[in-house]
Amino acid sequence: MLLVFRVHAIQRMSQYGVGVEDVRHVLEQGETIKSYPEDKPYPSLLVLGWRETRPIRVVAADDTRTGETFVITVYEPTPLLWEPDFRRKRP
């Protein structure tokens, strides 16, 4: 998988202390929890994965023509805002 990181993703990775291998792991082993088929120029996905006990969310879009995966943003969900499984926001 060829990853291409947008500036915003790099900024968030630095903010949350998330490395390239963490992102790769989430994209390869994580669970797609939402898809955005209408996103342009490529449909994107929100993927939730875990590094040890740490939840990490990645929004990425695949260019199937070139085989590139564009990493749009990366973040660690805040436990106070999310259900314990980190799939849904708390009411």
C-alpha atoms as a PDB file:
ATOM      1  CA  MET A   1       0.000   0.000   0.000  1.00  0.00           C
ATOM      2  CA  LEU A   2       1.464   3.336  -1.103  1.00  0.00           C
ATOM      3  CA  LEU A   3       0.437   5.991   1.424  1.00  0.00           C
ATOM      4  CA  VAL A   4       0.295   9.677   0.507  1.00  0.00           C
ATOM      5  CA  PHE A   5      -0.146  11.948   3.522  1.00  0.00           C
ATOM      6  CA  ARG A   6      -2.018  15.234   3.224  1.00  0.00           C
ATOM      7  CA  VAL A   7      -0.614  18.158   5.221  1.00  0.00           C
ATOM      8  CA  HIS A   8      -3.574  18.040   7.598  1.00  0.00           C
ATOM      9  CA  ALA A   9      -2.893  14.353   8.354  1.00  0.00           C
ATOM     10  CA  ILE A  10       0.770  15.060   9.085  1.00  0.00           C
ATOM     11  CA  GLN A  11      -0.205  17.894  11.426  1.00  0.00           C
ATOM     12  CA  ARG A  12      -2.661  15.675  13.304  1.00  0.00           C
ATOM     13  CA  MET A  13      -0.195  12.788  13.472  1.00  0.00           C
ATOM     14  CA  SER A  14       2.297  15.126  15.119  1.00  0.00           C
ATOM     15  CA  GLN A  15      -0.371  16.476  17.479  1.00  0.00           C
ATOM     16  CA  TYR A  16      -1.458  12.991  18.599  1.00  0.00           C
ATOM     17  CA  GLY A  17       1.923  11.263  18.438  1.00  0.00           C
ATOM     18  CA  VAL A  18       0.821   8.824  15.734  1.00  0.00           C
ATOM     19  CA  GLY A  19       3.467   7.347  13.423  1.00  0.00           C
ATOM     20  CA  VAL A  20       3.359   6.161   9.833  1.00  0.00           C
ATOM     21  CA  GLU A  21       3.372   2.516  10.934  1.00  0.00           C
ATOM     22  CA  ASP A  22       0.425   3.211  13.243  1.00  0.00           C
ATOM     23  CA  VAL A  23      -1.551   4.590  10.292  1.00  0.00           C
ATOM     24  CA  ARG A  24      -0.561   1.669   8.083  1.00  0.00           C
ATOM     25  CA  HIS A  25      -1.618  -0.787  10.804  1.00  0.00           C
ATOM     26  CA  VAL A  26      -5.021   0.900  11.221  1.00  0.00           C
ATOM     27  CA  LEU A  27      -5.660   0.875   7.477  1.00  0.00           C
ATOM     28  CA  GLU A  28      -4.602  -2.759   7.094  1.00  0.00           C
ATOM     29  CA  GLN A  29      -6.133  -4.216  10.281  1.00  0.00           C
ATOM     30  CA  GLY A  30      -8.837  -1.739  11.299  1.00  0.00           C
ATOM     31  CA  GLU A  31     -12.579  -1.686  10.781  1.00  0.00           C
ATOM     32  CA  THR A  32     -14.327   0.656   8.361  1.00  0.00           C
ATOM     33  CA  ILE A  33     -16.971   2.390  10.441  1.00  0.00           C
ATOM     34  CA  LYS A  34     -18.213   4.880   7.871  1.00  0.00           C
ATOM     35  CA  SER A  35     -17.890   5.377   4.148  1.00  0.00           C
ATOM     36  CA  TYR A  36     -18.231   8.573   2.169  1.00  0.00           C
ATOM     37  CA  PRO A  37     -18.936   7.389  -1.393  1.00  0.00           C
ATOM     38  CA  GLU A  38     -19.702  10.884  -2.673  1.00  0.00           C
ATOM     39  CA  ASP A  39     -16.351  12.406  -1.624  1.00  0.00           C
ATOM     40  CA  LYS A  40     -14.271  13.844  -4.458  1.00  0.00           C
ATOM     41  CA  PRO A  41     -11.923  13.197  -6.098  1.00  0.00           C
ATOM     42  CA  TYR A  42     -12.089   9.712  -4.511  1.00  0.00           C
ATOM     43  CA  PRO A  43     -14.570   8.053  -2.154  1.00  0.00           C
ATOM     44  CA  SER A  44     -13.192   7.982   1.381  1.00  0.00           C
ATOM     45  CA  LEU A  45     -13.486   5.789   4.457  1.00  0.00           C
ATOM     46  CA  LEU A  46     -13.306   6.322   8.195  1.00  0.00           C
ATOM     47  CA  VAL A  47     -11.329   3.456   9.711  1.00  0.00           C
ATOM     48  CA  LEU A  48     -11.011   2.648  13.412  1.00  0.00           C
ATOM     49  CA  GLY A  49      -8.043   0.639  14.569  1.00  0.00           C
ATOM     50  CA  TRP A  50      -6.112  -0.090  17.724  1.00  0.00           C
ATOM     51  CA  ARG A  51      -2.457   0.125  18.676  1.00  0.00           C
ATOM     52  CA  GLU A  52      -2.271  -1.800  21.925  1.00  0.00           C
ATOM     53  CA  THR A  53      -5.149  -0.248  23.905  1.00  0.00           C
ATOM     54  CA  ARG A  54      -5.065   3.046  22.006  1.00  0.00           C
ATOM     55  CA  PRO A  55      -7.873   3.777  19.523  1.00  0.00           C
ATOM     56  CA  ILE A  56      -6.873   5.592  16.338  1.00  0.00           C
ATOM     57  CA  ARG A  57      -9.165   6.840  13.588  1.00  0.00           C
ATOM     58  CA  VAL A  58      -7.981   7.431  10.033  1.00  0.00           C
ATOM     59  CA  VAL A  59      -9.855   9.001   7.124  1.00  0.00           C
ATOM     60  CA  ALA A  60      -8.384   7.862   3.827  1.00  0.00           C
ATOM     61  CA  ALA A  61      -9.272   7.650   0.144  1.00  0.00           C
ATOM     62  CA  ASP A  62      -8.018   5.123  -2.405  1.00  0.00           C
ATOM     63  CA  ASP A  63      -7.073   5.966  -5.964  1.00  0.00           C
ATOM     64  CA  THR A  64      -7.621   2.533  -7.461  1.00  0.00           C
ATOM     65  CA  ARG A  65      -6.095   3.671 -10.744  1.00  0.00           C
ATOM     66  CA  THR A  66      -2.657   4.380  -9.232  1.00  0.00           C
ATOM     67  CA  GLY A  67      -2.827   2.224  -6.096  1.00  0.00           C
ATOM     68  CA  GLU A  68      -2.243   5.243  -3.845  1.00  0.00           C
ATOM     69  CA  THR A  69      -4.058   5.713  -0.556  1.00  0.00           C
ATOM     70  CA  PHE A  70      -4.452   9.340   0.464  1.00  0.00           C
ATOM     71  CA  VAL A  71      -4.442   9.821   4.225  1.00  0.00           C
ATOM     72  CA  ILE A  72      -6.677  12.818   4.868  1.00  0.00           C
ATOM     73  CA  THR A  73      -6.708  13.002   8.654  1.00  0.00           C
ATOM     74  CA  VAL A  74      -5.692  10.985  11.699  1.00  0.00           C
ATOM     75  CA  TYR A  75      -6.831  11.363  15.275  1.00  0.00           C
ATOM     76  CA  GLU A  76      -7.277   9.667  18.611  1.00  0.00           C
ATOM     77  CA  PRO A  77     -10.938   9.911  19.652  1.00  0.00           C
ATOM     78  CA  THR A  78     -11.571  11.533  23.028  1.00  0.00           C
ATOM     79  CA  PRO A  79     -13.136   8.996  25.444  1.00  0.00           C
ATOM     80  CA  LEU A  80     -15.496  11.605  26.913  1.00  0.00           C
ATOM     81  CA  LEU A  81     -17.106  12.208  23.500  1.00  0.00           C
ATOM     82  CA  TRP A  82     -17.358   8.621  22.267  1.00  0.00           C
ATOM     83  CA  GLU A  83     -19.024   5.399  23.318  1.00  0.00           C
ATOM     84  CA  PRO A  84     -16.554   2.876  24.851  1.00  0.00           C
ATOM     85  CA  ASP A  85     -16.146   1.105  21.490  1.00  0.00           C
ATOM     86  CA  PHE A  86     -15.225   4.470  19.837  1.00  0.00           C
ATOM     87  CA  ARG A  87     -17.616   3.785  16.941  1.00  0.00           C
ATOM     88  CA  ARG A  88     -20.380   6.236  17.946  1.00  0.00           C
ATOM     89  CA  LYS A  89     -20.528   9.602  19.693  1.00  0.00           C
ATOM     90  CA  ARG A  90     -22.126   9.709  23.115  1.00  0.00           C
ATOM     91  CA  PRO A  91     -25.653  11.206  23.234  1.00  0.00           C
END
